[in-house]
Amino acid sequence: MKKKLLLLLPIVAIVCCYFVVSSCQISYKFNGASIDYSKVKTICINDFPNRAALVYPELAPKFNDELRDIYSRQTRLQSVTRNGDLNIEGAITGYTLQPLAIGTDALAAQTRLTLSIHVEFTNNSDPNTNFEKTFSANRTFDSSNTLEDVQEALCEELVKEIVEQIFNETVSNW
């Protein structure tokens, strides 16, 4: 009888450890957000109109959706249409092309596409973090391609980069 108990002891220990480990879970979220949810519960993100001289029609809706989506995915903030604890507004102010690297034929071998977005951020629970700032990103593409050939993919990259910059600036305290 004693022998059987000694054989069962390791199995019982393993089962007990399994239940202890599986019932106690620690959850970490490595998205960079450091929000005091006891003070900040809502966010209002207004539409960013496209006020750039060069207009790509798909840009404003794509940017607005991506900006709202990152806060929805990576925070517990409730989205409201006005008077949020956090408020983000602004406009797309620049969408420009700049020729670079002039080739032997005196034509540009590369072109840089730059996207600039002006943001006004208001934190009603901590006004010291309020700011007004322009975020920008750019990509260079081979001039053998037309803007229409590369525009959709480049805009997606630029929007994603700027949205991450805005998110980090507004809710990360590193």
N, C-alpha and C. Protein backbone atom coordinates (compact mmCIF):
# COMPACT_ATOMS: atom_id res chain seq x y z
N MET A 1 0.83 -1.18 0.00
CA MET A 1 0.00 0.00 0.00
C MET A 1 0.88 1.25 0.00
N LYS A 2 1.90 1.23 0.83
CA LYS A 2 2.80 2.37 0.93
C LYS A 2 3.53 2.59 -0.40
N LYS A 3 3.86 1.47 -1.08
CA LYS A 3 4.55 1.54 -2.36
C LYS A 3 3.67 2.21 -3.41
N LYS A 4 2.39 1.88 -3.41
CA LYS A 4 1.45 2.47 -4.38
C LYS A 4 1.31 3.98 -4.15
N LEU A 5 1.27 4.38 -2.90
CA LEU A 5 1.18 5.81 -2.59
C LEU A 5 2.42 6.56 -3.04
N LEU A 6 3.58 5.95 -2.87
CA LEU A 6 4.82 6.57 -3.32
C LEU A 6 4.85 6.71 -4.84
N LEU A 7 4.27 5.76 -5.56
CA LEU A 7 4.21 5.84 -7.02
C LEU A 7 3.22 6.91 -7.49
N LEU A 8 2.16 7.10 -6.74
CA LEU A 8 1.13 8.08 -7.11
C LEU A 8 1.53 9.51 -6.75
N LEU A 9 2.44 9.66 -5.81
CA LEU A 9 2.83 10.98 -5.33
C LEU A 9 3.35 11.90 -6.46
N PRO A 10 4.25 11.44 -7.34
CA PRO A 10 4.69 12.32 -8.43
C PRO A 10 3.55 12.71 -9.37
N ILE A 11 2.66 11.79 -9.63
CA ILE A 11 1.53 12.09 -10.53
C ILE A 11 0.61 13.12 -9.89
N VAL A 12 0.33 12.97 -8.62
CA VAL A 12 -0.52 13.93 -7.91
C VAL A 12 0.16 15.30 -7.88
N ALA A 13 1.47 15.32 -7.67
CA ALA A 13 2.21 16.58 -7.64
C ALA A 13 2.14 17.29 -9.00
N ILE A 14 2.29 16.54 -10.07
CA ILE A 14 2.23 17.12 -11.42
C ILE A 14 0.85 17.67 -11.71
N VAL A 15 -0.18 16.93 -11.38
CA VAL A 15 -1.56 17.39 -11.59
C VAL A 15 -1.83 18.65 -10.78
N CYS A 16 -1.38 18.67 -9.54
CA CYS A 16 -1.58 19.86 -8.70
C CYS A 16 -0.85 21.08 -9.27
N CYS A 17 0.38 20.87 -9.71
CA CYS A 17 1.14 21.97 -10.33
C CYS A 17 0.44 22.49 -11.58
N TYR A 18 -0.10 21.58 -12.37
CA TYR A 18 -0.80 21.99 -13.59
C TYR A 18 -1.98 22.89 -13.25
N PHE A 19 -2.78 22.48 -12.26
CA PHE A 19 -3.94 23.29 -11.89
C PHE A 19 -3.54 24.64 -11.30
N VAL A 20 -2.48 24.68 -10.54
CA VAL A 20 -2.02 25.94 -9.97
C VAL A 20 -1.54 26.88 -11.07
N VAL A 21 -0.74 26.36 -12.00
CA VAL A 21 -0.19 27.18 -13.07
C VAL A 21 -1.28 27.64 -14.03
N SER A 22 -2.20 26.75 -14.36
CA SER A 22 -3.23 27.12 -15.33
C SER A 22 -4.28 28.05 -14.74
N SER A 23 -4.45 28.05 -13.44
CA SER A 23 -5.46 28.94 -12.84
C SER A 23 -4.91 30.33 -12.57
N CYS A 24 -3.61 30.46 -12.48
CA CYS A 24 -2.98 31.75 -12.24
C CYS A 24 -2.33 32.23 -13.52
N GLN A 25 -2.94 33.20 -14.15
CA GLN A 25 -2.36 33.71 -15.39
C GLN A 25 -1.99 35.16 -15.22
N ILE A 26 -0.83 35.51 -15.72
CA ILE A 26 -0.38 36.89 -15.73
C ILE A 26 -0.43 37.35 -17.17
N SER A 27 -1.05 38.46 -17.40
CA SER A 27 -1.21 38.95 -18.76
C SER A 27 -0.48 40.27 -18.93
N TYR A 28 0.39 40.33 -19.90
CA TYR A 28 1.10 41.55 -20.24
C TYR A 28 0.71 41.97 -21.63
N LYS A 29 0.62 43.26 -21.84
CA LYS A 29 0.31 43.77 -23.17
C LYS A 29 1.43 44.72 -23.57
N PHE A 30 2.19 44.34 -24.57
CA PHE A 30 3.36 45.11 -24.97
C PHE A 30 3.04 46.00 -26.17
N ASN A 31 2.07 46.87 -26.04
CA ASN A 31 1.74 47.76 -27.15
C ASN A 31 2.21 49.18 -26.89
N GLY A 32 2.83 49.41 -25.76
CA GLY A 32 3.37 50.73 -25.48
C GLY A 32 2.38 51.65 -24.80
N ALA A 33 1.12 51.28 -24.70
CA ALA A 33 0.13 52.15 -24.09
C ALA A 33 0.28 52.15 -22.58
N SER A 34 0.29 53.34 -22.01
CA SER A 34 0.31 53.45 -20.55
C SER A 34 -0.79 54.43 -20.16
N ILE A 35 -1.97 53.90 -20.06
CA ILE A 35 -3.17 54.70 -19.81
C ILE A 35 -3.69 54.39 -18.41
N ASP A 36 -4.01 55.43 -17.66
CA ASP A 36 -4.63 55.26 -16.35
C ASP A 36 -6.14 55.17 -16.60
N TYR A 37 -6.65 53.94 -16.69
CA TYR A 37 -8.06 53.74 -17.02
C TYR A 37 -9.00 54.18 -15.89
N SER A 38 -8.47 54.49 -14.73
CA SER A 38 -9.34 55.04 -13.68
C SER A 38 -9.68 56.50 -13.97
N LYS A 39 -8.83 57.18 -14.75
CA LYS A 39 -9.06 58.58 -15.10
C LYS A 39 -9.51 58.76 -16.54
N VAL A 40 -9.04 57.90 -17.44
CA VAL A 40 -9.30 58.05 -18.87
C VAL A 40 -10.09 56.84 -19.36
N LYS A 41 -11.30 57.11 -19.81
CA LYS A 41 -12.18 56.02 -20.25
C LYS A 41 -12.64 56.15 -21.70
N THR A 42 -12.63 57.39 -22.23
CA THR A 42 -13.18 57.61 -23.57
C THR A 42 -12.20 58.36 -24.45
N ILE A 43 -12.39 58.19 -25.74
CA ILE A 43 -11.58 58.89 -26.74
C ILE A 43 -12.48 59.35 -27.87
N CYS A 44 -12.24 60.57 -28.32
CA CYS A 44 -12.96 61.13 -29.47
C CYS A 44 -11.92 61.40 -30.56
N ILE A 45 -12.08 60.73 -31.68
CA ILE A 45 -11.19 60.94 -32.83
C ILE A 45 -12.03 61.52 -33.96
N ASN A 46 -11.83 62.81 -34.21
CA ASN A 46 -12.56 63.46 -35.29
C ASN A 46 -11.98 63.08 -36.64
N ASP A 47 -12.81 63.17 -37.68
CA ASP A 47 -12.31 62.93 -39.03
C ASP A 47 -11.24 63.95 -39.39
N PHE A 48 -10.19 63.48 -40.03
CA PHE A 48 -9.12 64.34 -40.51
C PHE A 48 -9.40 64.65 -41.98
N PRO A 49 -9.78 65.89 -42.31
CA PRO A 49 -10.02 66.23 -43.71
C PRO A 49 -8.70 66.32 -44.47
N ASN A 50 -8.78 66.10 -45.77
CA ASN A 50 -7.59 66.19 -46.62
C ASN A 50 -7.48 67.61 -47.15
N ARG A 51 -6.51 68.37 -46.63
CA ARG A 51 -6.29 69.75 -47.04
C ARG A 51 -4.98 69.91 -47.81
N ALA A 52 -4.42 68.80 -48.24
CA ALA A 52 -3.17 68.84 -49.01
C ALA A 52 -3.44 69.39 -50.40
N ALA A 53 -2.43 70.01 -51.00
CA ALA A 53 -2.57 70.56 -52.35
C ALA A 53 -2.80 69.43 -53.37
N LEU A 54 -2.07 68.33 -53.22
CA LEU A 54 -2.23 67.15 -54.06
C LEU A 54 -3.13 66.20 -53.30
N VAL A 55 -4.27 65.82 -53.88
CA VAL A 55 -5.26 65.02 -53.16
C VAL A 55 -5.34 63.62 -53.75
N TYR A 56 -5.18 62.64 -52.89
CA TYR A 56 -5.43 61.23 -53.22
C TYR A 56 -6.73 60.88 -52.50
N PRO A 57 -7.83 60.67 -53.21
CA PRO A 57 -9.15 60.51 -52.59
C PRO A 57 -9.25 59.42 -51.52
N GLU A 58 -8.51 58.33 -51.68
CA GLU A 58 -8.61 57.23 -50.73
C GLU A 58 -7.84 57.49 -49.43
N LEU A 59 -7.02 58.53 -49.41
CA LEU A 59 -6.13 58.77 -48.28
C LEU A 59 -6.86 59.11 -46.98
N ALA A 60 -7.77 60.07 -47.01
CA ALA A 60 -8.45 60.49 -45.77
C ALA A 60 -9.25 59.36 -45.14
N PRO A 61 -10.08 58.63 -45.89
CA PRO A 61 -10.81 57.53 -45.25
C PRO A 61 -9.88 56.44 -44.70
N LYS A 62 -8.81 56.15 -45.43
CA LYS A 62 -7.86 55.13 -44.99
C LYS A 62 -7.19 55.57 -43.69
N PHE A 63 -6.76 56.83 -43.64
CA PHE A 63 -6.11 57.34 -42.43
C PHE A 63 -7.07 57.34 -41.25
N ASN A 64 -8.28 57.87 -41.44
CA ASN A 64 -9.26 57.93 -40.36
C ASN A 64 -9.58 56.55 -39.81
N ASP A 65 -9.75 55.56 -40.69
CA ASP A 65 -10.05 54.20 -40.25
C ASP A 65 -8.88 53.60 -39.47
N GLU A 66 -7.67 53.78 -39.98
CA GLU A 66 -6.48 53.23 -39.31
C GLU A 66 -6.27 53.85 -37.94
N LEU A 67 -6.48 55.16 -37.84
CA LEU A 67 -6.29 55.84 -36.56
C LEU A 67 -7.29 55.33 -35.52
N ARG A 68 -8.53 55.22 -35.89
CA ARG A 68 -9.54 54.71 -34.95
C ARG A 68 -9.26 53.25 -34.60
N ASP A 69 -8.83 52.50 -35.60
CA ASP A 69 -8.61 51.07 -35.41
C ASP A 69 -7.48 50.79 -34.41
N ILE A 70 -6.40 51.55 -34.43
CA ILE A 70 -5.29 51.27 -33.51
C ILE A 70 -5.70 51.49 -32.06
N TYR A 71 -6.52 52.50 -31.80
CA TYR A 71 -6.98 52.74 -30.43
C TYR A 71 -7.98 51.67 -30.00
N SER A 72 -8.78 51.22 -30.95
CA SER A 72 -9.74 50.16 -30.67
C SER A 72 -9.05 48.84 -30.36
N ARG A 73 -8.00 48.52 -31.12
CA ARG A 73 -7.28 47.25 -30.95
C ARG A 73 -6.37 47.24 -29.74
N GLN A 74 -5.74 48.37 -29.44
CA GLN A 74 -4.67 48.35 -28.46
C GLN A 74 -4.98 49.06 -27.14
N THR A 75 -6.21 49.54 -26.99
CA THR A 75 -6.61 50.14 -25.71
C THR A 75 -8.01 49.67 -25.36
N ARG A 76 -8.42 49.98 -24.15
CA ARG A 76 -9.79 49.69 -23.70
C ARG A 76 -10.65 50.95 -23.73
N LEU A 77 -10.17 52.00 -24.38
CA LEU A 77 -10.92 53.25 -24.43
C LEU A 77 -12.19 53.09 -25.26
N GLN A 78 -13.25 53.70 -24.77
CA GLN A 78 -14.51 53.68 -25.49
C GLN A 78 -14.53 54.88 -26.44
N SER A 79 -14.86 54.63 -27.70
CA SER A 79 -14.91 55.70 -28.70
C SER A 79 -16.23 56.47 -28.56
N VAL A 80 -16.11 57.80 -28.50
CA VAL A 80 -17.29 58.66 -28.42
C VAL A 80 -17.21 59.70 -29.53
N THR A 81 -18.33 60.31 -29.87
CA THR A 81 -18.35 61.27 -30.97
C THR A 81 -17.94 62.67 -30.58
N ARG A 82 -17.99 62.99 -29.27
CA ARG A 82 -17.50 64.30 -28.81
C ARG A 82 -17.24 64.26 -27.31
N ASN A 83 -16.42 65.21 -26.86
CA ASN A 83 -16.11 65.38 -25.44
C ASN A 83 -15.53 64.12 -24.78
N GLY A 84 -14.54 63.52 -25.41
CA GLY A 84 -13.88 62.38 -24.81
C GLY A 84 -12.87 62.82 -23.76
N ASP A 85 -12.43 61.88 -22.96
CA ASP A 85 -11.35 62.19 -22.03
C ASP A 85 -10.09 62.53 -22.81
N LEU A 86 -9.90 61.85 -23.94
CA LEU A 86 -8.84 62.17 -24.90
C LEU A 86 -9.51 62.61 -26.19
N ASN A 87 -9.00 63.67 -26.80
CA ASN A 87 -9.54 64.16 -28.07
C ASN A 87 -8.41 64.31 -29.08
N ILE A 88 -8.64 63.76 -30.27
CA ILE A 88 -7.65 63.86 -31.34
C ILE A 88 -8.35 64.44 -32.56
N GLU A 89 -7.75 65.51 -33.09
CA GLU A 89 -8.29 66.11 -34.30
C GLU A 89 -7.14 66.69 -35.11
N GLY A 90 -7.45 67.04 -36.34
CA GLY A 90 -6.42 67.61 -37.18
C GLY A 90 -6.78 67.51 -38.64
N ALA A 91 -5.74 67.51 -39.49
CA ALA A 91 -5.98 67.48 -40.93
C ALA A 91 -4.75 66.91 -41.64
N ILE A 92 -5.00 66.35 -42.80
CA ILE A 92 -3.92 65.94 -43.69
C ILE A 92 -3.47 67.22 -44.39
N THR A 93 -2.25 67.63 -44.12
CA THR A 93 -1.78 68.93 -44.62
C THR A 93 -0.79 68.84 -45.76
N GLY A 94 -0.21 67.67 -45.96
CA GLY A 94 0.77 67.55 -47.02
C GLY A 94 0.78 66.18 -47.66
N TYR A 95 0.81 66.18 -48.96
CA TYR A 95 0.94 64.96 -49.76
C TYR A 95 1.74 65.42 -50.97
N THR A 96 3.06 65.28 -50.87
CA THR A 96 3.92 65.90 -51.87
C THR A 96 4.86 64.91 -52.53
N LEU A 97 5.25 65.25 -53.74
CA LEU A 97 6.24 64.50 -54.50
C LEU A 97 7.47 65.37 -54.67
N GLN A 98 8.63 64.77 -54.51
CA GLN A 98 9.88 65.51 -54.67
C GLN A 98 10.84 64.65 -55.50
N PRO A 99 11.31 65.20 -56.64
CA PRO A 99 12.27 64.43 -57.44
C PRO A 99 13.61 64.35 -56.72
N LEU A 100 14.25 63.18 -56.79
CA LEU A 100 15.55 62.95 -56.16
C LEU A 100 16.48 62.28 -57.17
N ALA A 101 17.73 62.25 -56.86
CA ALA A 101 18.72 61.49 -57.62
C ALA A 101 18.58 61.69 -59.13
N ILE A 102 18.98 62.84 -59.60
CA ILE A 102 18.89 63.14 -61.02
C ILE A 102 19.84 62.21 -61.79
N GLY A 103 19.30 61.57 -62.83
CA GLY A 103 20.07 60.63 -63.64
C GLY A 103 20.86 61.34 -64.73
N THR A 104 21.53 60.56 -65.57
CA THR A 104 22.37 61.10 -66.64
C THR A 104 21.55 61.83 -67.70
N ASP A 105 20.29 61.49 -67.81
CA ASP A 105 19.43 62.15 -68.80
C ASP A 105 18.75 63.39 -68.24
N ALA A 106 19.18 63.88 -67.09
CA ALA A 106 18.67 65.07 -66.41
C ALA A 106 17.24 64.87 -65.90
N LEU A 107 16.79 63.64 -65.83
CA LEU A 107 15.48 63.32 -65.25
C LEU A 107 15.69 62.66 -63.90
N ALA A 108 14.71 62.78 -63.06
CA ALA A 108 14.80 62.19 -61.72
C ALA A 108 14.80 60.67 -61.81
N ALA A 109 15.77 60.06 -61.15
CA ALA A 109 15.83 58.60 -61.11
C ALA A 109 14.95 58.05 -59.98
N GLN A 110 14.72 58.89 -58.96
CA GLN A 110 13.86 58.50 -57.84
C GLN A 110 12.98 59.67 -57.45
N THR A 111 11.85 59.32 -56.84
CA THR A 111 10.91 60.34 -56.37
C THR A 111 10.53 60.01 -54.93
N ARG A 112 10.42 61.03 -54.09
CA ARG A 112 10.02 60.84 -52.70
C ARG A 112 8.58 61.31 -52.53
N LEU A 113 7.77 60.45 -51.95
CA LEU A 113 6.39 60.79 -51.58
C LEU A 113 6.37 61.04 -50.09
N THR A 114 5.90 62.22 -49.68
CA THR A 114 5.85 62.59 -48.26
C THR A 114 4.41 62.88 -47.86
N LEU A 115 4.02 62.33 -46.73
CA LEU A 115 2.70 62.56 -46.16
C LEU A 115 2.88 63.28 -44.84
N SER A 116 2.15 64.39 -44.64
CA SER A 116 2.20 65.17 -43.40
C SER A 116 0.80 65.32 -42.83
N ILE A 117 0.70 65.10 -41.52
CA ILE A 117 -0.59 65.18 -40.86
C ILE A 117 -0.45 66.01 -39.59
N HIS A 118 -1.24 67.07 -39.52
CA HIS A 118 -1.24 67.96 -38.35
C HIS A 118 -2.23 67.42 -37.33
N VAL A 119 -1.78 67.30 -36.06
CA VAL A 119 -2.61 66.71 -35.01
C VAL A 119 -2.69 67.66 -33.82
N GLU A 120 -3.90 67.79 -33.29
CA GLU A 120 -4.13 68.50 -32.04
C GLU A 120 -4.67 67.47 -31.05
N PHE A 121 -3.91 67.26 -29.97
CA PHE A 121 -4.27 66.26 -28.97
C PHE A 121 -4.61 66.97 -27.67
N THR A 122 -5.75 66.60 -27.09
CA THR A 122 -6.19 67.14 -25.81
C THR A 122 -6.47 66.00 -24.85
N ASN A 123 -5.83 66.06 -23.69
CA ASN A 123 -6.06 65.09 -22.63
C ASN A 123 -6.74 65.85 -21.50
N ASN A 124 -8.04 65.65 -21.34
CA ASN A 124 -8.81 66.40 -20.34
C ASN A 124 -8.48 66.00 -18.91
N SER A 125 -7.85 64.83 -18.70
CA SER A 125 -7.49 64.45 -17.33
C SER A 125 -6.07 64.89 -16.98
N ASP A 126 -5.25 65.22 -17.99
CA ASP A 126 -3.88 65.69 -17.74
C ASP A 126 -3.48 66.68 -18.83
N PRO A 127 -3.87 67.94 -18.69
CA PRO A 127 -3.59 68.95 -19.71
C PRO A 127 -2.10 69.15 -20.01
N ASN A 128 -1.21 68.70 -19.12
CA ASN A 128 0.22 68.84 -19.39
C ASN A 128 0.68 68.00 -20.58
N THR A 129 -0.13 67.02 -20.97
CA THR A 129 0.25 66.17 -22.10
C THR A 129 -0.34 66.64 -23.43
N ASN A 130 -1.12 67.71 -23.41
CA ASN A 130 -1.71 68.25 -24.64
C ASN A 130 -0.60 68.68 -25.60
N PHE A 131 -0.86 68.54 -26.89
CA PHE A 131 0.11 69.03 -27.87
C PHE A 131 -0.56 69.31 -29.20
N GLU A 132 0.16 70.07 -30.01
CA GLU A 132 -0.21 70.35 -31.40
C GLU A 132 1.07 70.11 -32.19
N LYS A 133 1.01 69.18 -33.13
CA LYS A 133 2.23 68.75 -33.80
C LYS A 133 1.92 68.20 -35.18
N THR A 134 2.90 68.31 -36.08
CA THR A 134 2.76 67.72 -37.41
C THR A 134 3.64 66.48 -37.49
N PHE A 135 3.03 65.37 -37.88
CA PHE A 135 3.73 64.11 -38.06
C PHE A 135 3.91 63.89 -39.56
N SER A 136 5.05 63.33 -39.94
CA SER A 136 5.25 63.06 -41.36
C SER A 136 6.06 61.79 -41.55
N ALA A 137 5.92 61.24 -42.74
CA ALA A 137 6.66 60.05 -43.14
C ALA A 137 6.83 60.14 -44.65
N ASN A 138 7.87 59.47 -45.15
CA ASN A 138 8.08 59.50 -46.60
C ASN A 138 8.61 58.16 -47.08
N ARG A 139 8.43 57.94 -48.37
CA ARG A 139 8.96 56.77 -49.04
C ARG A 139 9.51 57.21 -50.39
N THR A 140 10.58 56.57 -50.80
CA THR A 140 11.19 56.85 -52.09
C THR A 140 10.87 55.71 -53.04
N PHE A 141 10.54 56.06 -54.26
CA PHE A 141 10.26 55.03 -55.26
C PHE A 141 10.99 55.37 -56.55
N ASP A 142 11.24 54.35 -57.34
CA ASP A 142 11.95 54.49 -58.61
C ASP A 142 11.06 55.25 -59.59
N SER A 143 11.63 56.25 -60.24
CA SER A 143 10.84 57.09 -61.14
C SER A 143 10.43 56.37 -62.42
N SER A 144 10.92 55.16 -62.62
CA SER A 144 10.43 54.39 -63.77
C SER A 144 8.99 53.94 -63.53
N ASN A 145 8.55 53.99 -62.25
CA ASN A 145 7.15 53.72 -61.90
C ASN A 145 6.39 55.04 -61.84
N THR A 146 5.15 55.01 -62.21
CA THR A 146 4.32 56.21 -62.05
C THR A 146 3.76 56.20 -60.62
N LEU A 147 3.33 57.36 -60.17
CA LEU A 147 2.73 57.45 -58.84
C LEU A 147 1.53 56.51 -58.75
N GLU A 148 0.75 56.43 -59.79
CA GLU A 148 -0.43 55.55 -59.79
C GLU A 148 -0.05 54.09 -59.59
N ASP A 149 1.14 53.70 -60.08
CA ASP A 149 1.60 52.31 -59.92
C ASP A 149 1.90 51.96 -58.46
N VAL A 150 2.42 52.91 -57.71
CA VAL A 150 2.91 52.63 -56.36
C VAL A 150 2.12 53.33 -55.26
N GLN A 151 1.21 54.18 -55.63
CA GLN A 151 0.51 55.04 -54.66
C GLN A 151 -0.22 54.27 -53.56
N GLU A 152 -0.97 53.27 -53.91
CA GLU A 152 -1.76 52.55 -52.91
C GLU A 152 -0.87 51.89 -51.86
N ALA A 153 0.16 51.18 -52.31
CA ALA A 153 1.06 50.50 -51.37
C ALA A 153 1.84 51.49 -50.52
N LEU A 154 2.32 52.57 -51.14
CA LEU A 154 3.09 53.56 -50.38
C LEU A 154 2.21 54.27 -49.36
N CYS A 155 1.00 54.63 -49.75
CA CYS A 155 0.09 55.30 -48.81
C CYS A 155 -0.23 54.41 -47.62
N GLU A 156 -0.39 53.13 -47.86
CA GLU A 156 -0.65 52.20 -46.77
C GLU A 156 0.50 52.21 -45.77
N GLU A 157 1.73 52.19 -46.28
CA GLU A 157 2.92 52.22 -45.41
C GLU A 157 3.01 53.54 -44.65
N LEU A 158 2.80 54.65 -45.36
CA LEU A 158 2.91 55.97 -44.74
C LEU A 158 1.85 56.16 -43.66
N VAL A 159 0.63 55.77 -43.97
CA VAL A 159 -0.47 55.90 -43.00
C VAL A 159 -0.17 55.07 -41.75
N LYS A 160 0.27 53.84 -41.94
CA LYS A 160 0.57 52.97 -40.81
C LYS A 160 1.67 53.58 -39.94
N GLU A 161 2.72 54.11 -40.56
CA GLU A 161 3.81 54.72 -39.80
C GLU A 161 3.35 55.93 -39.00
N ILE A 162 2.57 56.80 -39.63
CA ILE A 162 2.12 58.01 -38.93
C ILE A 162 1.12 57.67 -37.83
N VAL A 163 0.24 56.73 -38.09
CA VAL A 163 -0.73 56.32 -37.06
C VAL A 163 0.01 55.78 -35.84
N GLU A 164 1.06 55.00 -36.05
CA GLU A 164 1.85 54.50 -34.92
C GLU A 164 2.56 55.63 -34.19
N GLN A 165 3.05 56.62 -34.93
CA GLN A 165 3.68 57.79 -34.29
C GLN A 165 2.68 58.52 -33.41
N ILE A 166 1.49 58.74 -33.93
CA ILE A 166 0.45 59.45 -33.18
C ILE A 166 0.05 58.65 -31.95
N PHE A 167 -0.16 57.36 -32.12
CA PHE A 167 -0.53 56.50 -30.99
C PHE A 167 0.54 56.57 -29.90
N ASN A 168 1.78 56.41 -30.28
CA ASN A 168 2.88 56.44 -29.30
C ASN A 168 2.98 57.79 -28.61
N GLU A 169 2.77 58.86 -29.34
CA GLU A 169 2.88 60.20 -28.76
C GLU A 169 1.72 60.49 -27.79
N THR A 170 0.56 59.91 -28.05
CA THR A 170 -0.62 60.24 -27.24
C THR A 170 -0.81 59.35 -26.03
N VAL A 171 -0.45 58.08 -26.09
CA VAL A 171 -0.77 57.19 -24.97
C VAL A 171 0.44 56.43 -24.42
N SER A 172 1.63 56.77 -24.84
CA SER A 172 2.82 56.09 -24.31
C SER A 172 3.65 57.08 -23.50
N ASN A 173 4.01 56.66 -22.34
CA ASN A 173 4.86 57.50 -21.47
C ASN A 173 6.19 56.79 -21.24
N TRP A 174 6.98 56.67 -22.27
CA TRP A 174 8.28 55.98 -22.14
C TRP A 174 9.33 56.95 -21.72
